[in-house]
C-alpha atoms as a PDB file:
ATOM      1  CA  MET A   1     106.203  88.292  71.461  1.00  0.00           C
ATOM      2  CA  VAL A   2     106.431  89.703  68.014  1.00  0.00           C
ATOM      3  CA  ALA A   3     109.974  90.476  66.570  1.00  0.00           C
ATOM      4  CA  PRO A   4     110.344  93.640  64.576  1.00  0.00           C
ATOM      5  CA  ALA A   5     110.754  93.165  60.589  1.00  0.00           C
ATOM      6  CA  GLU A   6     114.520  93.099  59.930  1.00  0.00           C
ATOM      7  CA  ASP A   7     114.023  95.650  56.857  1.00  0.00           C
ATOM      8  CA  GLU A   8     112.027  98.097  58.786  1.00  0.00           C
ATOM      9  CA  SER A   9     114.067  97.876  62.145  1.00  0.00           C
ATOM     10  CA  SER A  10     117.503  98.472  60.300  1.00  0.00           C
ATOM     11  CA  ALA A  11     116.213 101.709  58.735  1.00  0.00           C
ATOM     12  CA  TYR A  12     116.183 103.108  62.147  1.00  0.00           C
ATOM     13  CA  ASP A  13     118.858 103.727  64.633  1.00  0.00           C
ATOM     14  CA  LEU A  14     118.290 103.531  68.248  1.00  0.00           C
ATOM     15  CA  ALA A  15     121.288 105.567  69.241  1.00  0.00           C
ATOM     16  CA  ARG A  16     120.136 108.359  66.824  1.00  0.00           C
ATOM     17  CA  LEU A  17     116.723 108.316  68.633  1.00  0.00           C
ATOM     18  CA  VAL A  18     118.169 108.512  71.872  1.00  0.00           C
ATOM     19  CA  TYR A  19     120.974 111.176  71.108  1.00  0.00           C
ATOM     20  CA  PHE A  20     118.294 113.432  69.662  1.00  0.00           C
ATOM     21  CA  SER A  21     116.102 112.718  72.885  1.00  0.00           C
ATOM     22  CA  ASP A  22     119.104 114.028  75.026  1.00  0.00           C
ATOM     23  CA  ALA A  23     119.447 117.111  72.841  1.00  0.00           C
ATOM     24  CA  VAL A  24     115.568 117.803  73.042  1.00  0.00           C
ATOM     25  CA  PHE A  25     115.893 117.579  77.152  1.00  0.00           C
ATOM     26  CA  ALA A  26     118.887 119.628  76.971  1.00  0.00           C
ATOM     27  CA  ILE A  27     117.030 122.555  75.116  1.00  0.00           C
ATOM     28  CA  VAL A  28     113.957 122.207  77.554  1.00  0.00           C
ATOM     29  CA  ILE A  29     115.734 122.114  80.618  1.00  0.00           C
ATOM     30  CA  THR A  30     117.403 125.307  79.481  1.00  0.00           C
ATOM     31  CA  LEU A  31     114.302 126.926  78.468  1.00  0.00           C
ATOM     32  CA  LEU A  32     112.835 126.617  81.854  1.00  0.00           C
ATOM     33  CA  VAL A  33     114.985 129.561  83.186  1.00  0.00           C
ATOM     34  CA  LEU A  34     113.792 131.867  80.654  1.00  0.00           C
ATOM     35  CA  PRO A  35     110.864 133.445  82.754  1.00  0.00           C
ATOM     36  CA  LEU A  36     113.115 134.413  85.530  1.00  0.00           C
ATOM     37  CA  THR A  37     115.371 135.997  82.980  1.00  0.00           C
ATOM     38  CA  SER A  38     112.599 138.156  81.353  1.00  0.00           C
ATOM     39  CA  ASP A  39     111.999 140.701  84.106  1.00  0.00           C
ATOM     40  CA  VAL A  40     116.103 141.257  84.988  1.00  0.00           C
ATOM     41  CA  GLY A  41     116.294 144.594  83.390  1.00  0.00           C
ATOM     42  CA  LEU A  42     114.943 147.260  86.398  1.00  0.00           C
ATOM     43  CA  SER A  43     114.804 150.423  85.746  1.00  0.00           C
ATOM     44  CA  PRO A  44     117.302 152.809  87.953  1.00  0.00           C
ATOM     45  CA  GLY A  45     116.531 153.474  91.476  1.00  0.00           C
ATOM     46  CA  SER A  46     114.326 150.433  91.807  1.00  0.00           C
ATOM     47  CA  ASP A  47     114.690 148.018  94.770  1.00  0.00           C
ATOM     48  CA  LEU A  48     116.576 145.044  93.586  1.00  0.00           C
ATOM     49  CA  ALA A  49     116.208 142.700  96.645  1.00  0.00           C
ATOM     50  CA  SER A  50     112.550 143.524  96.626  1.00  0.00           C
ATOM     51  CA  ALA A  51     112.248 142.959  93.064  1.00  0.00           C
ATOM     52  CA  VAL A  52     113.715 139.656  93.363  1.00  0.00           C
ATOM     53  CA  TRP A  53     112.208 138.481  96.142  1.00  0.00           C
ATOM     54  CA  ASP A  54     108.868 139.067  94.284  1.00  0.00           C
ATOM     55  CA  LEU A  55     109.789 136.881  91.541  1.00  0.00           C
ATOM     56  CA  TRP A  56     109.824 133.646  94.334  1.00  0.00           C
ATOM     57  CA  PRO A  57     106.797 132.180  92.375  1.00  0.00           C
ATOM     58  CA  ARG A  58     108.997 131.843  89.413  1.00  0.00           C
ATOM     59  CA  PHE A  59     111.945 130.365  91.306  1.00  0.00           C
ATOM     60  CA  VAL A  60     109.895 127.889  92.961  1.00  0.00           C
ATOM     61  CA  SER A  61     108.050 126.976  89.230  1.00  0.00           C
ATOM     62  CA  PHE A  62     111.844 126.792  88.032  1.00  0.00           C
ATOM     63  CA  VAL A  63     113.833 124.656  90.399  1.00  0.00           C
ATOM     64  CA  LEU A  64     110.624 122.333  90.747  1.00  0.00           C
ATOM     65  CA  SER A  65     110.314 121.743  87.046  1.00  0.00           C
ATOM     66  CA  PHE A  66     114.035 121.406  86.582  1.00  0.00           C
ATOM     67  CA  LEU A  67     113.676 118.602  88.912  1.00  0.00           C
ATOM     68  CA  VAL A  68     110.988 116.919  87.334  1.00  0.00           C
ATOM     69  CA  VAL A  69     112.533 117.139  83.802  1.00  0.00           C
ATOM     70  CA  GLY A  70     115.672 115.721  85.173  1.00  0.00           C
ATOM     71  CA  GLN A  71     113.667 112.853  86.398  1.00  0.00           C
ATOM     72  CA  PHE A  72     111.934 112.558  83.451  1.00  0.00           C
ATOM     73  CA  TRP A  73     115.428 112.201  81.428  1.00  0.00           C
ATOM     74  CA  VAL A  74     116.487 109.732  84.093  1.00  0.00           C
ATOM     75  CA  VAL A  75     113.624 107.435  83.506  1.00  0.00           C
ATOM     76  CA  HIS A  76     114.195 108.162  79.540  1.00  0.00           C
ATOM     77  CA  HIS A  77     117.638 106.907  80.313  1.00  0.00           C
ATOM     78  CA  ARG A  78     116.672 103.851  82.072  1.00  0.00           C
ATOM     79  CA  ILE A  79     113.988 102.714  79.897  1.00  0.00           C
ATOM     80  CA  TYR A  80     115.716 103.296  76.565  1.00  0.00           C
ATOM     81  CA  GLY A  81     118.581 101.340  78.046  1.00  0.00           C
ATOM     82  CA  LEU A  82     116.716  98.353  77.826  1.00  0.00           C
ATOM     83  CA  PHE A  83     115.915  98.508  74.254  1.00  0.00           C
ATOM     84  CA  VAL A  84     117.717  96.609  71.544  1.00  0.00           C
ATOM     85  CA  GLY A  85     115.868  98.078  68.622  1.00  0.00           C
ATOM     86  CA  CYS A  86     114.084 100.519  67.100  1.00  0.00           C
ATOM     87  CA  ASP A  87     111.202 100.617  64.400  1.00  0.00           C
ATOM     88  CA  ARG A  88     109.166 103.378  62.853  1.00  0.00           C
ATOM     89  CA  GLY A  89     106.297 103.094  65.656  1.00  0.00           C
ATOM     90  CA  LEU A  90     108.911 103.740  68.146  1.00  0.00           C
ATOM     91  CA  VAL A  91     110.121 106.630  66.801  1.00  0.00           C
ATOM     92  CA  TRP A  92     106.622 108.253  66.345  1.00  0.00           C
ATOM     93  CA  VAL A  93     105.696 107.009  70.133  1.00  0.00           C
ATOM     94  CA  SER A  94     108.798 108.707  71.092  1.00  0.00           C
ATOM     95  CA  LEU A  95     108.411 111.865  69.216  1.00  0.00           C
ATOM     96  CA  VAL A  96     104.860 112.246  70.903  1.00  0.00           C
ATOM     97  CA  ASN A  97     106.792 111.630  74.384  1.00  0.00           C
ATOM     98  CA  LEU A  98     108.991 114.296  73.617  1.00  0.00           C
ATOM     99  CA  LEU A  99     106.168 116.701  72.638  1.00  0.00           C
ATOM    100  CA  THR A 100     104.678 116.756  76.041  1.00  0.00           C
ATOM    101  CA  VAL A 101     108.028 116.914  77.629  1.00  0.00           C
ATOM    102  CA  CYS A 102     108.511 120.393  75.173  1.00  0.00           C
ATOM    103  CA  PHE A 103     105.264 121.531  76.516  1.00  0.00           C
ATOM    104  CA  VAL A 104     106.367 121.386  80.456  1.00  0.00           C
ATOM    105  CA  PRO A 105     108.094 124.989  80.270  1.00  0.00           C
ATOM    106  CA  PHE A 106     105.186 126.496  79.214  1.00  0.00           C
ATOM    107  CA  ALA A 107     103.134 124.781  82.036  1.00  0.00           C
ATOM    108  CA  ALA A 108     105.967 125.717  84.521  1.00  0.00           C
ATOM    109  CA  ALA A 109     105.706 129.496  83.273  1.00  0.00           C
ATOM    110  CA  LEU A 110     102.108 129.504  83.801  1.00  0.00           C
ATOM    111  CA  LEU A 111     102.572 128.075  87.209  1.00  0.00           C
ATOM    112  CA  GLY A 112     105.454 130.755  88.049  1.00  0.00           C
ATOM    113  CA  GLU A 113     103.423 133.685  86.828  1.00  0.00           C
ATOM    114  CA  HIS A 114     100.355 132.855  88.676  1.00  0.00           C
ATOM    115  CA  LEU A 115     101.179 130.779  91.662  1.00  0.00           C
ATOM    116  CA  ASP A 116     100.824 133.888  94.300  1.00  0.00           C
ATOM    117  CA  THR A 117      97.161 134.722  92.832  1.00  0.00           C
ATOM    118  CA  GLY A 118      95.792 131.474  94.665  1.00  0.00           C
ATOM    119  CA  GLY A 119      94.100 130.212  91.322  1.00  0.00           C
ATOM    120  CA  ARG A 120      93.550 126.334  91.063  1.00  0.00           C
ATOM    121  CA  PHE A 121      94.054 126.327  87.337  1.00  0.00           C
ATOM    122  CA  PRO A 122      97.977 126.751  86.985  1.00  0.00           C
ATOM    123  CA  VAL A 123      98.484 124.105  89.514  1.00  0.00           C
ATOM    124  CA  VAL A 124      95.856 121.601  87.969  1.00  0.00           C
ATOM    125  CA  PHE A 125      97.118 122.462  84.531  1.00  0.00           C
ATOM    126  CA  TYR A 126     100.650 121.907  85.536  1.00  0.00           C
ATOM    127  CA  ALA A 127      99.729 118.636  87.297  1.00  0.00           C
ATOM    128  CA  ALA A 128      98.004 117.130  84.225  1.00  0.00           C
ATOM    129  CA  SER A 129     100.860 117.863  82.012  1.00  0.00           C
ATOM    130  CA  LEU A 130     103.123 116.128  84.047  1.00  0.00           C
ATOM    131  CA  THR A 131     100.652 113.021  84.242  1.00  0.00           C
ATOM    132  CA  LEU A 132     100.347 113.221  80.237  1.00  0.00           C
ATOM    133  CA  THR A 133     103.982 113.075  80.318  1.00  0.00           C
ATOM    134  CA  SER A 134     104.589 110.180  82.580  1.00  0.00           C
ATOM    135  CA  ILE A 135     101.560 108.239  80.348  1.00  0.00           C
ATOM    136  CA  THR A 136     103.459 108.647  77.057  1.00  0.00           C
ATOM    137  CA  PHE A 137     106.805 106.937  78.785  1.00  0.00           C
ATOM    138  CA  THR A 138     104.479 104.171  79.508  1.00  0.00           C
ATOM    139  CA  THR A 139     103.071 103.984  76.022  1.00  0.00           C
ATOM    140  CA  ALA A 140     106.735 104.033  74.967  1.00  0.00           C
ATOM    141  CA  TRP A 141     107.978 101.398  77.034  1.00  0.00           C
ATOM    142  CA  LEU A 142     104.788  98.809  76.294  1.00  0.00           C
ATOM    143  CA  TYR A 143     105.061  99.218  72.598  1.00  0.00           C
ATOM    144  CA  ALA A 144     108.698  98.371  72.771  1.00  0.00           C
ATOM    145  CA  LEU A 145     107.582  95.241  74.910  1.00  0.00           C
ATOM    146  CA  SER A 146     105.056  94.214  72.437  1.00  0.00           C
ATOM    147  CA  ARG A 147     107.705  94.527  69.699  1.00  0.00           C
ATOM    148  CA  GLY A 148     110.169  92.559  71.132  1.00  0.00           C
ATOM    149  CA  LEU A 149     112.280  95.755  71.299  1.00  0.00           C
ATOM    150  CA  VAL A 150     113.502  95.113  74.813  1.00  0.00           C
ATOM    151  CA  SER A 151     116.762  93.215  75.644  1.00  0.00           C
ATOM    152  CA  GLU A 152     116.650  89.437  76.114  1.00  0.00           C
ATOM    153  CA  ARG A 153     118.569  89.777  78.968  1.00  0.00           C
ATOM    154  CA  GLU A 154     115.788  91.470  81.419  1.00  0.00           C
ATOM    155  CA  ASN A 155     113.768  88.529  82.555  1.00  0.00           C
ATOM    156  CA  HIS A 156     109.783  88.310  83.194  1.00  0.00           C
ATOM    157  CA  VAL A 157     110.664  89.504  86.469  1.00  0.00           C
ATOM    158  CA  ARG A 158     112.585  92.953  85.854  1.00  0.00           C
ATOM    159  CA  ARG A 159     109.927  93.663  82.742  1.00  0.00           C
ATOM    160  CA  ALA A 160     107.335  93.293  85.152  1.00  0.00           C
ATOM    161  CA  GLU A 161     108.960  95.370  87.484  1.00  0.00           C
ATOM    162  CA  VAL A 162     109.354  98.040  85.094  1.00  0.00           C
ATOM    163  CA  THR A 163     105.612  97.738  84.179  1.00  0.00           C
ATOM    164  CA  THR A 164     104.432  98.068  87.373  1.00  0.00           C
ATOM    165  CA  ARG A 165     106.368 101.125  88.460  1.00  0.00           C
ATOM    166  CA  ALA A 166     105.058 102.743  85.119  1.00  0.00           C
ATOM    167  CA  PHE A 167     101.720 102.102  86.043  1.00  0.00           C
ATOM    168  CA  VAL A 168     101.794 103.041  89.505  1.00  0.00           C
ATOM    169  CA  THR A 169     103.948 106.150  88.769  1.00  0.00           C
ATOM    170  CA  ASN A 170     100.674 107.153  86.189  1.00  0.00           C
ATOM    171  CA  GLY A 171      98.125 106.586  88.848  1.00  0.00           C
ATOM    172  CA  VAL A 172      99.952 108.625  91.186  1.00  0.00           C
ATOM    173  CA  PHE A 173     100.371 111.690  88.791  1.00  0.00           C
ATOM    174  CA  LEU A 174      96.630 111.141  88.040  1.00  0.00           C
ATOM    175  CA  VAL A 175      95.599 111.562  92.040  1.00  0.00           C
ATOM    176  CA  SER A 176      98.268 114.610  92.014  1.00  0.00           C
ATOM    177  CA  ILE A 177      95.782 116.241  89.797  1.00  0.00           C
ATOM    178  CA  GLY A 178      93.035 115.629  92.330  1.00  0.00           C
ATOM    179  CA  ALA A 179      95.422 117.140  95.074  1.00  0.00           C
ATOM    180  CA  ALA A 180      96.361 119.820  92.713  1.00  0.00           C
ATOM    181  CA  PHE A 181      92.982 121.513  93.502  1.00  0.00           C
ATOM    182  CA  PHE A 182      93.945 122.162  97.338  1.00  0.00           C
ATOM    183  CA  GLY A 183      97.259 123.722  96.088  1.00  0.00           C
ATOM    184  CA  LEU A 184     100.917 122.855  94.715  1.00  0.00           C
ATOM    185  CA  LEU A 185     101.975 121.586  97.974  1.00  0.00           C
ATOM    186  CA  PRO A 186      99.525 118.774  98.284  1.00  0.00           C
ATOM    187  CA  ALA A 187     100.603 117.787  94.544  1.00  0.00           C
ATOM    188  CA  VAL A 188     104.053 118.139  95.182  1.00  0.00           C
ATOM    189  CA  LEU A 189     103.736 115.866  98.322  1.00  0.00           C
ATOM    190  CA  CYS A 190     101.883 113.255  96.013  1.00  0.00           C
ATOM    191  CA  TRP A 191     105.231 113.138  93.603  1.00  0.00           C
ATOM    192  CA  VAL A 192     108.136 113.720  96.193  1.00  0.00           C
ATOM    193  CA  VAL A 193     106.078 111.194  99.311  1.00  0.00           C
ATOM    194  CA  LEU A 194     103.455 109.124  97.946  1.00  0.00           C
ATOM    195  CA  LEU A 195     105.087 108.337  94.815  1.00  0.00           C
ATOM    196  CA  PRO A 196     108.324 106.160  96.175  1.00  0.00           C
ATOM    197  CA  LEU A 197     105.881 104.881  99.341  1.00  0.00           C
ATOM    198  CA  VAL A 198     103.182 103.374  96.686  1.00  0.00           C
ATOM    199  CA  ARG A 199     105.994 101.921  94.569  1.00  0.00           C
ATOM    200  CA  LYS A 200     107.768 100.375  97.538  1.00  0.00           C
ATOM    201  CA  VAL A 201     104.635  98.815  99.018  1.00  0.00           C
ATOM    202  CA  VAL A 202     103.464  97.606  95.287  1.00  0.00           C
ATOM    203  CA  LEU A 203     106.687  96.329  94.436  1.00  0.00           C
ATOM    204  CA  ARG A 204     107.539  94.426  97.414  1.00  0.00           C
ATOM    205  CA  SER A 205     103.792  92.882  97.698  1.00  0.00           C
ATOM    206  CA  ALA A 206     104.733  91.739  93.967  1.00  0.00           C
ATOM    207  CA  VAL A 207     107.889  90.062  95.184  1.00  0.00           C
END
């Protein structure tokens, strides 16, 4: 295991990186609601109830994306809580990770705008964007592990468990891209049913 150079690691503050990341997550999760607010100005005499109902694809996209980004924040909180230091490489890996997180509102808006058209591309694009975000989380974890930035209190079994969960998550997200060709529901089932099931089976067999 390679320990980070003292002079390099001291130039970067892990706490500042975490606070910055929290701020980015807060902004991203707020931006998700913007597609819903863009059509609230209706002309006089319009059927308000019908107009709101017509926005159901955007509501679905908003709720789903809010939960997804929230889960990504939980994962970020969990793995970065295991770190004890920060170096230049981790900063850049984290920025790339946040770049993919910031892209989620665009994918969500695209999904919400075209979900009711029956087209495959918005769903596949959405699943692919979430997969890329998941992969960048794994990259950050593996980088920190290789650089000796993970707490020594975490034993080999715990580190192996986190690594296994990360790769299983990436694998299921990749599967969800294929499932997305058949619609949003199959992709969502991959995330909410298949993912926890596979995690449970793989982690239990690894014990």
